[in-house]
Amino acid sequence: MANRISDETIEYVGILAKLELSGEEKEAAKEDMGRMLDYIDKLNELDTSNIEPMSHGFELHNVFREDVVTNGDGQETTLENAPKQKDGAFKVPRTVE
């Protein structure tokens, strides 16, 4: 393991994460973090000089469409089910005095 994680680092991460870790859990976390850092070092060895940066892992296409009314107003049909109506709208009891 090329990267060594100190006990102080594990304590600090535990405080930030609001975790109380036992000694055994701290050792396991140190090993896990060390493996993660080793993997990052391995990735850093890759030659990415000919790779173009990208913002997404896949191509995005515009999914917007024109906003076109297709079913009309339907006000009359809607108001057919209203128990009471006034001026083309539902009439409901007053809730605020």
N, C-alpha and C. Protein backbone atom coordinates (compact mmCIF):
# COMPACT_ATOMS: atom_id res chain seq x y z
N MET A 1 0.85 -1.16 0.00
CA MET A 1 0.00 0.00 0.00
C MET A 1 0.90 1.23 0.00
N ALA A 2 0.90 1.96 -1.10
CA ALA A 2 1.77 3.13 -1.23
C ALA A 2 1.28 4.29 -0.39
N ASN A 3 -0.01 4.43 -0.23
CA ASN A 3 -0.57 5.54 0.54
C ASN A 3 -0.92 5.06 1.94
N ARG A 4 -0.35 5.74 2.91
CA ARG A 4 -0.63 5.40 4.30
C ARG A 4 -1.58 6.43 4.87
N ILE A 5 -2.62 5.97 5.51
CA ILE A 5 -3.60 6.83 6.16
C ILE A 5 -3.27 6.83 7.64
N SER A 6 -3.11 8.02 8.21
CA SER A 6 -2.74 8.10 9.62
C SER A 6 -3.96 7.93 10.52
N ASP A 7 -3.70 7.63 11.79
CA ASP A 7 -4.78 7.51 12.77
C ASP A 7 -5.49 8.85 12.94
N GLU A 8 -4.73 9.94 12.84
CA GLU A 8 -5.33 11.27 12.98
C GLU A 8 -6.32 11.54 11.85
N THR A 9 -5.98 11.09 10.65
CA THR A 9 -6.87 11.28 9.50
C THR A 9 -8.16 10.51 9.71
N ILE A 10 -8.05 9.28 10.19
CA ILE A 10 -9.25 8.47 10.44
C ILE A 10 -10.09 9.12 11.53
N GLU A 11 -9.46 9.62 12.59
CA GLU A 11 -10.20 10.31 13.65
C GLU A 11 -10.94 11.52 13.09
N TYR A 12 -10.24 12.31 12.26
CA TYR A 12 -10.82 13.52 11.68
C TYR A 12 -12.00 13.18 10.77
N VAL A 13 -11.85 12.17 9.94
CA VAL A 13 -12.94 11.75 9.06
C VAL A 13 -14.12 11.26 9.89
N GLY A 14 -13.84 10.54 10.97
CA GLY A 14 -14.90 10.08 11.85
C GLY A 14 -15.65 11.24 12.49
N ILE A 15 -14.93 12.29 12.88
CA ILE A 15 -15.57 13.48 13.46
C ILE A 15 -16.43 14.16 12.41
N LEU A 16 -15.89 14.32 11.20
CA LEU A 16 -16.66 14.97 10.14
C LEU A 16 -17.93 14.20 9.80
N ALA A 17 -17.83 12.87 9.81
CA ALA A 17 -18.97 12.03 9.47
C ALA A 17 -19.85 11.75 10.69
N LYS A 18 -19.46 12.29 11.85
CA LYS A 18 -20.19 12.08 13.10
C LYS A 18 -20.36 10.60 13.40
N LEU A 19 -19.22 9.87 13.29
CA LEU A 19 -19.20 8.44 13.56
C LEU A 19 -18.32 8.15 14.75
N GLU A 20 -18.73 7.20 15.56
CA GLU A 20 -17.87 6.70 16.62
C GLU A 20 -17.40 5.33 16.19
N LEU A 21 -16.13 5.24 15.83
CA LEU A 21 -15.59 3.99 15.31
C LEU A 21 -14.78 3.28 16.40
N SER A 22 -14.93 1.97 16.46
CA SER A 22 -14.10 1.18 17.36
C SER A 22 -12.70 1.07 16.74
N GLY A 23 -11.76 0.56 17.51
CA GLY A 23 -10.41 0.40 17.00
C GLY A 23 -10.36 -0.50 15.78
N GLU A 24 -11.17 -1.56 15.80
CA GLU A 24 -11.23 -2.50 14.68
C GLU A 24 -11.80 -1.82 13.43
N GLU A 25 -12.85 -1.01 13.63
CA GLU A 25 -13.46 -0.29 12.51
C GLU A 25 -12.50 0.76 11.94
N LYS A 26 -11.72 1.39 12.81
CA LYS A 26 -10.75 2.38 12.34
C LYS A 26 -9.69 1.73 11.45
N GLU A 27 -9.23 0.54 11.86
CA GLU A 27 -8.23 -0.17 11.06
C GLU A 27 -8.81 -0.58 9.72
N ALA A 28 -10.06 -1.06 9.72
CA ALA A 28 -10.70 -1.45 8.46
C ALA A 28 -10.87 -0.23 7.56
N ALA A 29 -11.24 0.92 8.15
CA ALA A 29 -11.41 2.14 7.36
C ALA A 29 -10.07 2.59 6.79
N LYS A 30 -9.00 2.47 7.56
CA LYS A 30 -7.67 2.84 7.07
C LYS A 30 -7.28 2.00 5.86
N GLU A 31 -7.57 0.71 5.94
CA GLU A 31 -7.24 -0.18 4.82
C GLU A 31 -8.08 0.17 3.59
N ASP A 32 -9.38 0.41 3.81
CA ASP A 32 -10.27 0.77 2.69
C ASP A 32 -9.82 2.07 2.02
N MET A 33 -9.52 3.07 2.83
CA MET A 33 -9.09 4.36 2.26
C MET A 33 -7.75 4.22 1.54
N GLY A 34 -6.88 3.40 2.09
CA GLY A 34 -5.59 3.16 1.43
C GLY A 34 -5.78 2.51 0.07
N ARG A 35 -6.69 1.52 0.00
CA ARG A 35 -6.97 0.86 -1.28
C ARG A 35 -7.57 1.85 -2.28
N MET A 36 -8.44 2.74 -1.79
CA MET A 36 -9.03 3.74 -2.69
C MET A 36 -7.95 4.66 -3.26
N LEU A 37 -7.05 5.10 -2.40
CA LEU A 37 -5.98 5.99 -2.86
C LEU A 37 -5.04 5.27 -3.81
N ASP A 38 -4.77 4.00 -3.55
CA ASP A 38 -3.94 3.21 -4.48
C ASP A 38 -4.61 3.12 -5.84
N TYR A 39 -5.92 2.92 -5.86
CA TYR A 39 -6.65 2.83 -7.13
C TYR A 39 -6.60 4.17 -7.87
N ILE A 40 -6.73 5.25 -7.14
CA ILE A 40 -6.63 6.58 -7.77
C ILE A 40 -5.24 6.77 -8.37
N ASP A 41 -4.21 6.34 -7.65
CA ASP A 41 -2.85 6.42 -8.20
C ASP A 41 -2.72 5.60 -9.48
N LYS A 42 -3.35 4.44 -9.49
CA LYS A 42 -3.31 3.58 -10.69
C LYS A 42 -4.00 4.29 -11.86
N LEU A 43 -5.14 4.93 -11.59
CA LEU A 43 -5.84 5.67 -12.64
C LEU A 43 -5.01 6.85 -13.14
N ASN A 44 -4.27 7.48 -12.25
CA ASN A 44 -3.44 8.61 -12.64
C ASN A 44 -2.30 8.20 -13.57
N GLU A 45 -1.96 6.92 -13.61
CA GLU A 45 -0.91 6.43 -14.49
C GLU A 45 -1.37 6.36 -15.95
N LEU A 46 -2.68 6.38 -16.18
CA LEU A 46 -3.21 6.29 -17.54
C LEU A 46 -2.86 7.52 -18.35
N ASP A 47 -2.54 7.30 -19.63
CA ASP A 47 -2.25 8.40 -20.53
C ASP A 47 -3.57 8.92 -21.11
N THR A 48 -3.95 10.09 -20.68
CA THR A 48 -5.20 10.70 -21.15
C THR A 48 -4.94 11.93 -22.01
N SER A 49 -3.74 12.05 -22.53
CA SER A 49 -3.39 13.25 -23.29
C SER A 49 -4.19 13.36 -24.59
N ASN A 50 -4.59 12.25 -25.18
CA ASN A 50 -5.34 12.29 -26.44
C ASN A 50 -6.85 12.13 -26.23
N ILE A 51 -7.29 12.21 -24.99
CA ILE A 51 -8.71 12.06 -24.68
C ILE A 51 -9.32 13.45 -24.51
N GLU A 52 -10.39 13.68 -25.27
CA GLU A 52 -11.06 14.97 -25.21
C GLU A 52 -11.96 15.02 -23.96
N PRO A 53 -11.89 16.10 -23.20
CA PRO A 53 -12.76 16.20 -22.01
C PRO A 53 -14.23 16.19 -22.41
N MET A 54 -15.06 15.66 -21.51
CA MET A 54 -16.49 15.63 -21.79
C MET A 54 -17.24 15.97 -20.51
N SER A 55 -18.46 16.46 -20.69
CA SER A 55 -19.26 16.80 -19.52
C SER A 55 -20.19 15.66 -19.12
N HIS A 56 -20.46 14.73 -20.03
CA HIS A 56 -21.32 13.60 -19.75
C HIS A 56 -20.72 12.34 -20.37
N GLY A 57 -21.11 11.21 -19.81
CA GLY A 57 -20.63 9.94 -20.32
C GLY A 57 -21.34 9.51 -21.59
N PHE A 58 -22.41 10.19 -21.95
CA PHE A 58 -23.14 9.86 -23.17
C PHE A 58 -23.63 11.17 -23.80
N GLU A 59 -23.93 11.10 -25.07
CA GLU A 59 -24.36 12.30 -25.78
C GLU A 59 -25.77 12.69 -25.35
N LEU A 60 -25.96 13.99 -25.20
CA LEU A 60 -27.29 14.50 -24.86
C LEU A 60 -27.91 15.14 -26.08
N HIS A 61 -29.19 14.94 -26.22
CA HIS A 61 -29.93 15.55 -27.32
C HIS A 61 -31.03 16.40 -26.74
N ASN A 62 -31.40 17.45 -27.44
CA ASN A 62 -32.46 18.32 -27.01
C ASN A 62 -33.79 17.55 -27.04
N VAL A 63 -34.47 17.50 -25.92
CA VAL A 63 -35.72 16.76 -25.84
C VAL A 63 -36.94 17.68 -25.82
N PHE A 64 -36.70 18.97 -25.98
CA PHE A 64 -37.80 19.92 -25.97
C PHE A 64 -38.61 19.82 -27.25
N ARG A 65 -39.87 20.13 -27.14
CA ARG A 65 -40.76 20.13 -28.29
C ARG A 65 -41.55 21.43 -28.27
N GLU A 66 -42.20 21.71 -29.35
CA GLU A 66 -43.06 22.88 -29.42
C GLU A 66 -44.23 22.70 -28.46
N ASP A 67 -44.63 23.77 -27.82
CA ASP A 67 -45.77 23.73 -26.92
C ASP A 67 -47.02 24.01 -27.73
N VAL A 68 -47.68 22.95 -28.15
CA VAL A 68 -48.85 23.05 -29.01
C VAL A 68 -50.05 22.43 -28.30
N VAL A 69 -51.15 23.16 -28.25
CA VAL A 69 -52.37 22.64 -27.65
C VAL A 69 -52.97 21.62 -28.61
N THR A 70 -53.23 20.41 -28.09
CA THR A 70 -53.75 19.36 -28.97
C THR A 70 -55.18 18.96 -28.62
N ASN A 71 -55.62 19.24 -27.38
CA ASN A 71 -56.96 18.79 -27.00
C ASN A 71 -57.94 19.95 -26.78
N GLY A 72 -57.58 21.14 -27.08
CA GLY A 72 -58.47 22.28 -26.95
C GLY A 72 -58.69 22.69 -25.51
N ASP A 73 -59.67 23.57 -25.31
CA ASP A 73 -59.91 24.16 -24.00
C ASP A 73 -60.58 23.17 -23.06
N GLY A 74 -61.71 22.63 -23.44
CA GLY A 74 -62.40 21.64 -22.61
C GLY A 74 -63.08 22.22 -21.39
N GLN A 75 -63.25 23.54 -21.33
CA GLN A 75 -63.84 24.17 -20.15
C GLN A 75 -65.28 23.70 -19.93
N GLU A 76 -66.05 23.63 -20.97
CA GLU A 76 -67.44 23.22 -20.83
C GLU A 76 -67.53 21.79 -20.30
N THR A 77 -66.73 20.91 -20.83
CA THR A 77 -66.74 19.51 -20.40
C THR A 77 -66.34 19.40 -18.93
N THR A 78 -65.35 20.17 -18.54
CA THR A 78 -64.90 20.14 -17.16
C THR A 78 -65.98 20.66 -16.22
N LEU A 79 -66.60 21.75 -16.59
CA LEU A 79 -67.61 22.35 -15.72
C LEU A 79 -68.91 21.55 -15.66
N GLU A 80 -69.11 20.59 -16.55
CA GLU A 80 -70.30 19.75 -16.49
C GLU A 80 -70.36 18.99 -15.18
N ASN A 81 -69.21 18.66 -14.60
CA ASN A 81 -69.15 17.89 -13.36
C ASN A 81 -69.16 18.77 -12.11
N ALA A 82 -69.16 20.07 -12.27
CA ALA A 82 -69.11 20.97 -11.12
C ALA A 82 -70.48 21.04 -10.44
N PRO A 83 -70.52 20.91 -9.11
CA PRO A 83 -71.80 21.05 -8.43
C PRO A 83 -72.36 22.47 -8.57
N LYS A 84 -71.47 23.48 -8.52
CA LYS A 84 -71.86 24.87 -8.71
C LYS A 84 -70.81 25.53 -9.59
N GLN A 85 -71.25 26.46 -10.41
CA GLN A 85 -70.31 27.20 -11.26
C GLN A 85 -70.76 28.64 -11.40
N LYS A 86 -69.79 29.51 -11.67
CA LYS A 86 -70.10 30.92 -11.84
C LYS A 86 -69.06 31.51 -12.77
N ASP A 87 -69.48 32.22 -13.78
CA ASP A 87 -68.61 32.89 -14.74
C ASP A 87 -67.55 31.97 -15.34
N GLY A 88 -67.93 30.75 -15.67
CA GLY A 88 -67.01 29.82 -16.32
C GLY A 88 -65.98 29.21 -15.40
N ALA A 89 -66.26 29.17 -14.07
CA ALA A 89 -65.31 28.60 -13.11
C ALA A 89 -66.08 27.83 -12.04
N PHE A 90 -65.37 26.99 -11.29
CA PHE A 90 -65.99 26.30 -10.17
C PHE A 90 -66.34 27.31 -9.09
N LYS A 91 -67.49 27.14 -8.45
CA LYS A 91 -67.87 27.99 -7.33
C LYS A 91 -67.78 27.11 -6.08
N VAL A 92 -66.97 27.57 -5.11
CA VAL A 92 -66.73 26.80 -3.88
C VAL A 92 -67.05 27.68 -2.69
N PRO A 93 -67.31 27.07 -1.55
CA PRO A 93 -67.57 27.87 -0.36
C PRO A 93 -66.35 28.67 0.06
N ARG A 94 -66.60 29.82 0.64
CA ARG A 94 -65.51 30.68 1.13
C ARG A 94 -64.79 29.96 2.27
N THR A 95 -63.46 29.97 2.25
CA THR A 95 -62.68 29.32 3.30
C THR A 95 -61.95 30.33 4.16
N VAL A 96 -61.82 31.57 3.71
CA VAL A 96 -61.12 32.61 4.45
C VAL A 96 -62.11 33.74 4.72
N GLU A 97 -62.18 34.16 5.96
CA GLU A 97 -63.09 35.25 6.31
C GLU A 97 -62.39 36.58 6.18
